[in-house]
N, C-alpha and C. Protein backbone atom coordinates (compact mmCIF):
# COMPACT_ATOMS: atom_id res chain seq x y z
N UNK A 1 -6.29 111.31 -21.44
CA UNK A 1 -6.46 109.88 -21.59
C UNK A 1 -7.84 109.46 -21.11
N UNK A 2 -8.13 108.18 -21.11
CA UNK A 2 -9.46 107.67 -20.77
C UNK A 2 -9.83 107.97 -19.33
N UNK A 3 -8.87 107.97 -18.41
CA UNK A 3 -9.17 108.25 -17.00
C UNK A 3 -9.65 109.69 -16.83
N UNK A 4 -9.01 110.62 -17.53
CA UNK A 4 -9.42 112.02 -17.43
C UNK A 4 -10.82 112.22 -18.01
N UNK A 5 -11.17 111.50 -19.07
CA UNK A 5 -12.51 111.60 -19.64
C UNK A 5 -13.56 111.13 -18.64
N UNK A 6 -13.26 110.04 -17.94
CA UNK A 6 -14.19 109.53 -16.92
C UNK A 6 -14.33 110.55 -15.80
N UNK A 7 -13.24 111.17 -15.38
CA UNK A 7 -13.29 112.17 -14.30
C UNK A 7 -14.13 113.37 -14.72
N UNK A 8 -14.06 113.78 -15.99
CA UNK A 8 -14.88 114.89 -16.46
C UNK A 8 -16.36 114.53 -16.41
N UNK A 9 -16.70 113.29 -16.76
CA UNK A 9 -18.09 112.86 -16.76
C UNK A 9 -18.69 112.84 -15.37
N UNK A 10 -17.89 112.54 -14.35
CA UNK A 10 -18.39 112.50 -12.98
C UNK A 10 -18.10 113.81 -12.26
N UNK A 11 -17.70 114.83 -13.00
CA UNK A 11 -17.44 116.19 -12.49
C UNK A 11 -16.40 116.20 -11.37
N UNK A 12 -15.28 115.56 -11.61
CA UNK A 12 -14.15 115.56 -10.69
C UNK A 12 -12.93 116.13 -11.42
N UNK A 13 -11.95 116.60 -10.67
CA UNK A 13 -10.76 117.16 -11.32
C UNK A 13 -9.96 116.08 -12.06
N UNK A 14 -9.31 116.49 -13.16
CA UNK A 14 -8.47 115.56 -13.93
C UNK A 14 -7.21 115.23 -13.14
N UNK A 15 -6.63 114.09 -13.49
CA UNK A 15 -5.35 113.72 -12.91
C UNK A 15 -5.43 113.03 -11.57
N UNK A 16 -6.63 112.73 -11.06
CA UNK A 16 -6.73 112.05 -9.78
C UNK A 16 -6.39 110.56 -9.91
N UNK A 17 -6.65 109.99 -11.09
CA UNK A 17 -6.31 108.59 -11.31
C UNK A 17 -4.99 108.57 -12.08
N UNK A 18 -3.95 108.21 -11.37
CA UNK A 18 -2.62 108.15 -11.98
C UNK A 18 -1.69 107.39 -11.05
N UNK A 19 -0.54 107.07 -11.57
CA UNK A 19 0.49 106.40 -10.77
C UNK A 19 1.29 107.49 -10.06
N UNK A 20 1.03 107.67 -8.78
CA UNK A 20 1.67 108.74 -8.03
C UNK A 20 1.61 108.40 -6.54
N UNK A 21 2.34 109.17 -5.77
CA UNK A 21 2.29 108.98 -4.32
C UNK A 21 1.11 109.77 -3.75
N UNK A 22 0.79 109.51 -2.50
CA UNK A 22 -0.31 110.22 -1.83
C UNK A 22 -0.01 111.72 -1.79
N UNK A 23 1.23 112.08 -1.44
CA UNK A 23 1.61 113.50 -1.39
C UNK A 23 1.55 114.15 -2.76
N UNK A 24 1.90 113.38 -3.80
CA UNK A 24 1.84 113.92 -5.15
C UNK A 24 0.42 114.24 -5.57
N UNK A 25 -0.53 113.38 -5.21
CA UNK A 25 -1.93 113.64 -5.53
C UNK A 25 -2.45 114.80 -4.69
N UNK A 26 -2.09 114.84 -3.41
CA UNK A 26 -2.57 115.86 -2.49
C UNK A 26 -2.07 117.25 -2.89
N UNK A 27 -0.77 117.36 -3.24
CA UNK A 27 -0.19 118.66 -3.58
C UNK A 27 -0.31 119.00 -5.06
N UNK A 28 -0.60 117.99 -5.89
CA UNK A 28 -0.74 118.24 -7.32
C UNK A 28 0.58 118.38 -8.05
N UNK A 29 1.67 118.09 -7.39
CA UNK A 29 2.99 118.20 -8.02
C UNK A 29 3.48 116.79 -8.36
N UNK A 30 4.14 116.70 -9.50
CA UNK A 30 4.71 115.41 -9.91
C UNK A 30 6.21 115.46 -9.73
N UNK A 31 6.73 114.49 -9.03
CA UNK A 31 8.16 114.40 -8.78
C UNK A 31 8.78 113.55 -9.89
N UNK A 32 9.66 114.15 -10.68
CA UNK A 32 10.26 113.43 -11.81
C UNK A 32 11.41 112.54 -11.35
N UNK A 33 12.30 113.09 -10.54
CA UNK A 33 13.47 112.33 -10.10
C UNK A 33 13.22 111.73 -8.72
N UNK A 34 12.66 110.55 -8.74
CA UNK A 34 12.44 109.82 -7.49
C UNK A 34 13.73 109.09 -7.13
N UNK A 35 13.87 108.67 -5.88
CA UNK A 35 15.08 107.91 -5.52
C UNK A 35 15.27 106.66 -6.38
N UNK A 36 14.19 106.02 -6.75
CA UNK A 36 14.30 104.83 -7.60
C UNK A 36 14.82 105.20 -8.99
N UNK A 37 14.32 106.29 -9.57
CA UNK A 37 14.79 106.73 -10.88
C UNK A 37 16.26 107.11 -10.84
N UNK A 38 16.67 107.75 -9.76
CA UNK A 38 18.09 108.13 -9.61
C UNK A 38 18.95 106.87 -9.48
N UNK A 39 18.50 105.90 -8.69
CA UNK A 39 19.27 104.66 -8.52
C UNK A 39 19.41 103.91 -9.84
N UNK A 40 18.32 103.80 -10.60
CA UNK A 40 18.40 103.13 -11.90
C UNK A 40 19.32 103.89 -12.85
N UNK A 41 19.29 105.20 -12.81
CA UNK A 41 20.17 106.00 -13.67
C UNK A 41 21.64 105.78 -13.32
N UNK A 42 21.94 105.70 -12.03
CA UNK A 42 23.32 105.45 -11.61
C UNK A 42 23.78 104.07 -12.05
N UNK A 43 22.94 103.06 -11.89
CA UNK A 43 23.29 101.71 -12.32
C UNK A 43 23.50 101.66 -13.83
N UNK A 44 22.63 102.30 -14.59
CA UNK A 44 22.76 102.33 -16.05
C UNK A 44 24.05 103.03 -16.47
N UNK A 45 24.36 104.15 -15.83
CA UNK A 45 25.60 104.87 -16.15
C UNK A 45 26.82 104.01 -15.83
N UNK A 46 26.79 103.29 -14.71
CA UNK A 46 27.91 102.42 -14.34
C UNK A 46 28.09 101.30 -15.37
N UNK A 47 26.99 100.72 -15.84
CA UNK A 47 27.08 99.67 -16.85
C UNK A 47 27.62 100.20 -18.17
N UNK A 48 27.22 101.38 -18.56
CA UNK A 48 27.72 101.98 -19.80
C UNK A 48 29.22 102.26 -19.69
N UNK A 49 29.65 102.78 -18.56
CA UNK A 49 31.08 103.06 -18.35
C UNK A 49 31.88 101.75 -18.36
N UNK A 50 31.36 100.71 -17.71
CA UNK A 50 32.04 99.41 -17.69
C UNK A 50 32.15 98.83 -19.10
N UNK A 51 31.09 98.92 -19.89
CA UNK A 51 31.11 98.42 -21.26
C UNK A 51 32.12 99.19 -22.11
N UNK A 52 32.18 100.50 -21.94
CA UNK A 52 33.15 101.31 -22.68
C UNK A 52 34.58 100.93 -22.28
N UNK A 53 34.81 100.68 -20.99
CA UNK A 53 36.13 100.25 -20.52
C UNK A 53 36.53 98.92 -21.15
N UNK A 54 35.61 97.95 -21.18
CA UNK A 54 35.91 96.66 -21.78
C UNK A 54 36.22 96.79 -23.26
N UNK A 55 35.46 97.62 -23.95
CA UNK A 55 35.67 97.80 -25.39
C UNK A 55 37.01 98.48 -25.66
N UNK A 56 37.36 99.46 -24.85
CA UNK A 56 38.62 100.19 -25.06
C UNK A 56 39.84 99.33 -24.75
N UNK A 57 39.71 98.36 -23.85
CA UNK A 57 40.85 97.55 -23.44
C UNK A 57 40.90 96.17 -24.07
N UNK A 58 40.07 95.90 -25.05
CA UNK A 58 40.11 94.57 -25.66
C UNK A 58 41.36 94.44 -26.54
N UNK A 59 41.85 93.24 -26.64
CA UNK A 59 43.06 93.02 -27.43
C UNK A 59 42.72 92.96 -28.91
N UNK A 60 43.71 93.29 -29.74
CA UNK A 60 43.52 93.25 -31.18
C UNK A 60 43.58 91.84 -31.74
N UNK A 61 44.31 90.98 -31.04
CA UNK A 61 44.51 89.60 -31.49
C UNK A 61 44.29 88.67 -30.31
N UNK A 62 43.64 87.55 -30.57
CA UNK A 62 43.43 86.55 -29.53
C UNK A 62 43.93 85.20 -30.06
N UNK A 63 44.75 84.54 -29.27
CA UNK A 63 45.30 83.25 -29.66
C UNK A 63 44.84 82.17 -28.69
N UNK A 64 44.64 80.98 -29.22
CA UNK A 64 44.22 79.84 -28.42
C UNK A 64 45.01 78.62 -28.88
N UNK A 65 45.66 77.95 -27.95
CA UNK A 65 46.41 76.73 -28.25
C UNK A 65 45.92 75.64 -27.31
N UNK A 66 45.40 74.55 -27.88
CA UNK A 66 44.87 73.44 -27.08
C UNK A 66 45.46 72.13 -27.56
N UNK A 67 45.78 71.28 -26.61
CA UNK A 67 46.28 69.95 -26.95
C UNK A 67 45.15 69.17 -27.60
N UNK A 68 45.47 68.40 -28.64
CA UNK A 68 44.47 67.61 -29.34
C UNK A 68 43.90 66.58 -28.37
N UNK A 69 42.58 66.56 -28.17
CA UNK A 69 41.99 65.63 -27.21
C UNK A 69 42.19 64.17 -27.64
N UNK A 70 42.41 63.33 -26.66
CA UNK A 70 42.56 61.91 -26.94
C UNK A 70 43.96 61.50 -27.36
N UNK A 71 44.83 62.46 -27.57
CA UNK A 71 46.21 62.16 -27.97
C UNK A 71 47.11 62.11 -26.74
N UNK A 72 47.86 61.05 -26.60
CA UNK A 72 48.84 60.97 -25.54
C UNK A 72 50.15 61.57 -26.04
N UNK A 73 51.08 61.72 -25.16
CA UNK A 73 52.39 62.21 -25.56
C UNK A 73 53.07 61.17 -26.44
N UNK A 74 54.01 61.63 -27.25
CA UNK A 74 54.79 60.73 -28.09
C UNK A 74 56.25 60.82 -27.68
N UNK A 75 56.89 59.70 -27.59
CA UNK A 75 58.31 59.67 -27.27
C UNK A 75 59.08 59.78 -28.59
N UNK A 76 59.76 60.91 -28.79
CA UNK A 76 60.49 61.14 -30.03
C UNK A 76 61.78 60.32 -30.02
N UNK A 77 62.53 60.41 -28.95
CA UNK A 77 63.73 59.61 -28.74
C UNK A 77 63.90 59.43 -27.23
N UNK A 78 65.05 59.00 -26.80
CA UNK A 78 65.25 58.75 -25.37
C UNK A 78 65.21 60.01 -24.52
N UNK A 79 65.38 61.18 -25.14
CA UNK A 79 65.48 62.42 -24.36
C UNK A 79 64.39 63.43 -24.65
N UNK A 80 63.51 63.19 -25.65
CA UNK A 80 62.51 64.18 -26.04
C UNK A 80 61.11 63.55 -26.13
N UNK A 81 60.11 64.37 -25.76
CA UNK A 81 58.71 64.00 -25.89
C UNK A 81 57.99 65.05 -26.72
N UNK A 82 56.88 64.64 -27.34
CA UNK A 82 56.16 65.52 -28.24
C UNK A 82 54.66 65.45 -27.95
N UNK A 83 53.97 66.59 -28.13
CA UNK A 83 52.50 66.67 -28.05
C UNK A 83 51.99 67.36 -29.30
N UNK A 84 50.78 66.99 -29.72
CA UNK A 84 50.14 67.60 -30.87
C UNK A 84 49.13 68.63 -30.38
N UNK A 85 49.16 69.84 -30.96
CA UNK A 85 48.30 70.95 -30.54
C UNK A 85 47.55 71.54 -31.72
N UNK A 86 46.29 71.92 -31.48
CA UNK A 86 45.53 72.76 -32.41
C UNK A 86 45.69 74.20 -31.97
N UNK A 87 45.78 75.13 -32.93
CA UNK A 87 45.88 76.54 -32.57
C UNK A 87 44.96 77.37 -33.44
N UNK A 88 44.53 78.49 -32.88
CA UNK A 88 43.70 79.47 -33.59
C UNK A 88 44.22 80.85 -33.25
N UNK A 89 44.22 81.72 -34.24
CA UNK A 89 44.55 83.13 -34.03
C UNK A 89 43.42 83.94 -34.64
N UNK A 90 42.80 84.80 -33.82
CA UNK A 90 41.69 85.65 -34.26
C UNK A 90 42.20 87.07 -34.39
N UNK A 91 42.02 87.66 -35.57
CA UNK A 91 42.41 89.04 -35.82
C UNK A 91 41.17 89.92 -35.70
N UNK A 92 41.15 90.83 -34.74
CA UNK A 92 39.99 91.69 -34.51
C UNK A 92 40.19 93.07 -35.12
N UNK A 93 41.25 93.26 -35.90
CA UNK A 93 41.55 94.57 -36.49
C UNK A 93 41.04 94.64 -37.92
N UNK A 94 41.18 95.81 -38.52
CA UNK A 94 40.76 96.03 -39.90
C UNK A 94 41.93 95.90 -40.87
N UNK A 95 43.03 95.29 -40.43
CA UNK A 95 44.20 95.11 -41.28
C UNK A 95 44.69 93.67 -41.17
N UNK A 96 45.27 93.17 -42.26
CA UNK A 96 45.88 91.85 -42.22
C UNK A 96 47.10 91.87 -41.30
N UNK A 97 47.33 90.77 -40.62
CA UNK A 97 48.51 90.64 -39.76
C UNK A 97 49.33 89.47 -40.30
N UNK A 98 50.56 89.77 -40.68
CA UNK A 98 51.42 88.76 -41.29
C UNK A 98 52.55 88.32 -40.40
N UNK A 99 53.28 87.34 -40.88
CA UNK A 99 54.47 86.81 -40.21
C UNK A 99 54.15 86.35 -38.78
N UNK A 100 53.07 85.60 -38.63
CA UNK A 100 52.69 85.07 -37.32
C UNK A 100 53.70 83.99 -36.92
N UNK A 101 54.18 84.09 -35.70
CA UNK A 101 55.17 83.14 -35.20
C UNK A 101 54.84 82.79 -33.75
N UNK A 102 54.98 81.53 -33.41
CA UNK A 102 54.76 81.05 -32.04
C UNK A 102 56.11 80.76 -31.40
N UNK A 103 56.27 81.20 -30.14
CA UNK A 103 57.52 80.96 -29.42
C UNK A 103 57.19 80.46 -28.01
N UNK A 104 57.96 79.49 -27.55
CA UNK A 104 57.80 78.99 -26.18
C UNK A 104 58.54 79.92 -25.23
N UNK A 105 57.82 80.38 -24.21
CA UNK A 105 58.43 81.28 -23.22
C UNK A 105 59.05 80.44 -22.11
N UNK A 106 60.31 80.72 -21.81
CA UNK A 106 60.98 80.04 -20.71
C UNK A 106 61.41 78.61 -21.02
N UNK A 107 61.31 78.20 -22.25
CA UNK A 107 61.72 76.84 -22.65
C UNK A 107 62.62 76.96 -23.89
N UNK A 108 63.86 77.40 -23.72
CA UNK A 108 64.72 77.61 -24.89
C UNK A 108 65.04 76.32 -25.65
N UNK A 109 64.95 75.18 -24.99
CA UNK A 109 65.24 73.91 -25.66
C UNK A 109 64.01 73.32 -26.35
N UNK A 110 62.84 73.91 -26.10
CA UNK A 110 61.62 73.43 -26.73
C UNK A 110 61.56 73.85 -28.18
N UNK A 111 60.84 73.06 -28.98
CA UNK A 111 60.77 73.33 -30.40
C UNK A 111 59.33 73.18 -30.88
N UNK A 112 58.89 74.10 -31.75
CA UNK A 112 57.56 74.04 -32.34
C UNK A 112 57.72 73.64 -33.80
N UNK A 113 57.02 72.56 -34.21
CA UNK A 113 57.06 72.08 -35.60
C UNK A 113 55.66 72.17 -36.19
N UNK A 114 55.47 73.07 -37.16
CA UNK A 114 54.17 73.22 -37.83
C UNK A 114 53.94 72.06 -38.79
N UNK A 115 52.68 71.69 -38.92
CA UNK A 115 52.29 70.63 -39.84
C UNK A 115 51.62 71.27 -41.04
N UNK A 116 52.18 71.05 -42.20
CA UNK A 116 51.65 71.53 -43.50
C UNK A 116 51.21 72.99 -43.47
N UNK A 117 52.06 73.85 -42.95
CA UNK A 117 51.80 75.29 -42.98
C UNK A 117 52.98 75.97 -43.65
N UNK A 118 52.70 77.05 -44.35
CA UNK A 118 53.80 77.81 -44.95
C UNK A 118 54.53 78.58 -43.85
N UNK A 119 55.70 79.08 -44.17
CA UNK A 119 56.48 79.84 -43.19
C UNK A 119 55.89 81.21 -42.92
N UNK A 120 55.12 81.75 -43.87
CA UNK A 120 54.54 83.08 -43.71
C UNK A 120 53.05 82.96 -43.40
N UNK A 121 52.72 82.88 -42.12
CA UNK A 121 51.32 82.78 -41.71
C UNK A 121 50.72 84.18 -41.66
N UNK A 122 49.58 84.38 -42.33
CA UNK A 122 48.90 85.67 -42.38
C UNK A 122 47.47 85.49 -41.92
N UNK A 123 47.05 86.33 -40.97
CA UNK A 123 45.66 86.32 -40.51
C UNK A 123 44.96 87.49 -41.19
N UNK A 124 43.92 87.20 -41.96
CA UNK A 124 43.19 88.24 -42.67
C UNK A 124 42.48 89.17 -41.69
N UNK A 125 42.19 90.38 -42.15
CA UNK A 125 41.48 91.33 -41.29
C UNK A 125 40.13 90.73 -40.89
N UNK A 126 39.79 90.91 -39.62
CA UNK A 126 38.56 90.35 -39.04
C UNK A 126 38.47 88.85 -39.31
N UNK A 127 39.62 88.18 -39.36
CA UNK A 127 39.63 86.78 -39.74
C UNK A 127 40.14 85.84 -38.67
N UNK A 128 40.11 84.58 -39.01
CA UNK A 128 40.52 83.50 -38.13
C UNK A 128 41.47 82.59 -38.90
N UNK A 129 42.58 82.24 -38.27
CA UNK A 129 43.54 81.33 -38.88
C UNK A 129 43.72 80.15 -37.93
N UNK A 130 43.64 78.94 -38.48
CA UNK A 130 43.76 77.73 -37.67
C UNK A 130 44.91 76.89 -38.18
N UNK A 131 45.45 76.09 -37.29
CA UNK A 131 46.52 75.19 -37.70
C UNK A 131 46.82 74.16 -36.64
N UNK A 132 47.83 73.36 -36.93
CA UNK A 132 48.24 72.29 -36.03
C UNK A 132 49.76 72.30 -35.96
N UNK A 133 50.29 72.10 -34.76
CA UNK A 133 51.74 71.94 -34.63
C UNK A 133 52.09 70.97 -33.52
N UNK A 134 53.31 70.47 -33.59
CA UNK A 134 53.88 69.65 -32.52
C UNK A 134 54.76 70.54 -31.67
N UNK A 135 54.78 70.27 -30.38
CA UNK A 135 55.76 70.88 -29.49
C UNK A 135 56.63 69.75 -28.95
N UNK A 136 57.93 69.89 -29.17
CA UNK A 136 58.91 68.92 -28.67
C UNK A 136 59.62 69.52 -27.48
N UNK A 137 59.68 68.76 -26.38
CA UNK A 137 60.38 69.21 -25.17
C UNK A 137 61.34 68.13 -24.71
N UNK A 138 62.48 68.55 -24.17
CA UNK A 138 63.39 67.56 -23.59
C UNK A 138 62.82 66.99 -22.30
N UNK A 139 63.19 65.77 -22.01
CA UNK A 139 62.66 65.06 -20.85
C UNK A 139 62.93 65.80 -19.54
N UNK A 140 64.09 66.43 -19.42
CA UNK A 140 64.45 67.08 -18.15
C UNK A 140 63.63 68.35 -17.87
N UNK A 141 62.95 68.90 -18.88
CA UNK A 141 62.14 70.11 -18.65
C UNK A 141 60.70 69.80 -18.27
N UNK A 142 60.32 68.52 -18.29
CA UNK A 142 58.95 68.13 -17.93
C UNK A 142 58.80 68.08 -16.42
N UNK A 143 57.65 68.56 -15.94
CA UNK A 143 57.37 68.60 -14.50
C UNK A 143 56.16 67.71 -14.22
N UNK A 144 56.36 66.43 -14.20
CA UNK A 144 55.26 65.51 -13.94
C UNK A 144 54.46 65.21 -15.19
N UNK A 145 53.22 64.76 -14.99
CA UNK A 145 52.39 64.36 -16.13
C UNK A 145 51.84 65.56 -16.90
N UNK A 146 51.81 66.73 -16.28
CA UNK A 146 51.37 67.95 -16.97
C UNK A 146 52.36 69.06 -16.70
N UNK A 147 52.81 69.68 -17.76
CA UNK A 147 53.73 70.80 -17.65
C UNK A 147 53.06 72.01 -18.29
N UNK A 148 52.95 73.09 -17.54
CA UNK A 148 52.32 74.30 -18.05
C UNK A 148 53.28 75.01 -19.01
N UNK A 149 52.77 75.35 -20.19
CA UNK A 149 53.55 76.06 -21.19
C UNK A 149 52.95 77.43 -21.43
N UNK A 150 53.80 78.42 -21.61
CA UNK A 150 53.37 79.75 -22.02
C UNK A 150 53.86 79.95 -23.44
N UNK A 151 52.93 80.24 -24.34
CA UNK A 151 53.27 80.40 -25.75
C UNK A 151 52.99 81.85 -26.14
N UNK A 152 54.02 82.51 -26.66
CA UNK A 152 53.91 83.88 -27.13
C UNK A 152 53.63 83.87 -28.62
N UNK A 153 52.72 84.74 -29.06
CA UNK A 153 52.39 84.85 -30.47
C UNK A 153 52.92 86.20 -30.95
N UNK A 154 53.77 86.15 -31.96
CA UNK A 154 54.42 87.35 -32.49
C UNK A 154 54.02 87.59 -33.94
N UNK A 155 54.08 88.86 -34.32
CA UNK A 155 54.04 89.26 -35.72
C UNK A 155 55.33 90.04 -35.94
N UNK A 156 56.30 89.39 -36.53
CA UNK A 156 57.63 90.01 -36.61
C UNK A 156 58.22 90.09 -35.22
N UNK A 157 58.54 91.30 -34.77
CA UNK A 157 59.08 91.51 -33.42
C UNK A 157 58.02 91.93 -32.42
N UNK A 158 56.79 92.13 -32.88
CA UNK A 158 55.72 92.63 -32.01
C UNK A 158 54.96 91.48 -31.36
N UNK A 159 54.89 91.52 -30.01
CA UNK A 159 54.14 90.51 -29.26
C UNK A 159 52.65 90.80 -29.41
N UNK A 160 51.90 89.83 -29.93
CA UNK A 160 50.46 90.01 -30.13
C UNK A 160 49.65 89.48 -28.95
N UNK A 161 50.01 88.30 -28.46
CA UNK A 161 49.23 87.68 -27.39
C UNK A 161 50.08 86.62 -26.70
N UNK A 162 49.67 86.29 -25.48
CA UNK A 162 50.26 85.18 -24.72
C UNK A 162 49.13 84.22 -24.41
N UNK A 163 49.42 82.95 -24.51
CA UNK A 163 48.42 81.95 -24.17
C UNK A 163 49.11 80.81 -23.41
N UNK A 164 48.34 80.12 -22.61
CA UNK A 164 48.90 79.00 -21.84
C UNK A 164 48.21 77.71 -22.24
N UNK A 165 48.95 76.63 -22.10
CA UNK A 165 48.41 75.30 -22.38
C UNK A 165 49.20 74.30 -21.56
N UNK A 166 48.75 73.07 -21.55
CA UNK A 166 49.43 72.01 -20.80
C UNK A 166 50.09 71.02 -21.75
N UNK A 167 51.29 70.61 -21.41
CA UNK A 167 52.03 69.59 -22.15
C UNK A 167 51.92 68.29 -21.36
N UNK A 168 51.45 67.25 -22.01
CA UNK A 168 51.28 65.96 -21.35
C UNK A 168 52.55 65.14 -21.52
N UNK A 169 53.01 64.59 -20.41
CA UNK A 169 54.22 63.78 -20.45
C UNK A 169 54.10 62.59 -19.53
N UNK A 170 55.15 61.79 -19.45
CA UNK A 170 55.11 60.62 -18.57
C UNK A 170 55.16 61.03 -17.11
N UNK A 171 54.58 60.19 -16.26
CA UNK A 171 54.62 60.45 -14.82
C UNK A 171 56.04 60.20 -14.35
N UNK A 172 56.59 61.16 -13.62
CA UNK A 172 57.98 61.03 -13.17
C UNK A 172 58.06 60.99 -11.67
């Protein structure tokens, strides 16, 4: 390189101008694996292993259910209340997933009513399916102004994902 050319012109040994330690210049040996290089290698290996772990454990399907913002609860009758929810199901696989069904966990008296959706919901491969539904709950199952709901997403009998959301109700 240019530094070695300059050293030749002034009749000095090559390699004196370089990024090295004092002992490296004095002994003429170059240390490849310095403690810093080893530390960076360990950190890089840990990050690669962590990324591989995350990729291997990612779910095939992701569901999201959110209450429509700005909407209050609706009183269906004297004993039931209703909330409107937007939902999304993301299919991360290379195959279509059919017969998508939402079920309320731990609320056997609760009911999900889809709005303008067919009975056979299919999420295309690498696709996204969106929709809207009402959840009706009896008054006695509400726990204050917000009740936490767990919604299971199934394809046939296979559980795809669990998601949580809040049901807005009257203050009791």
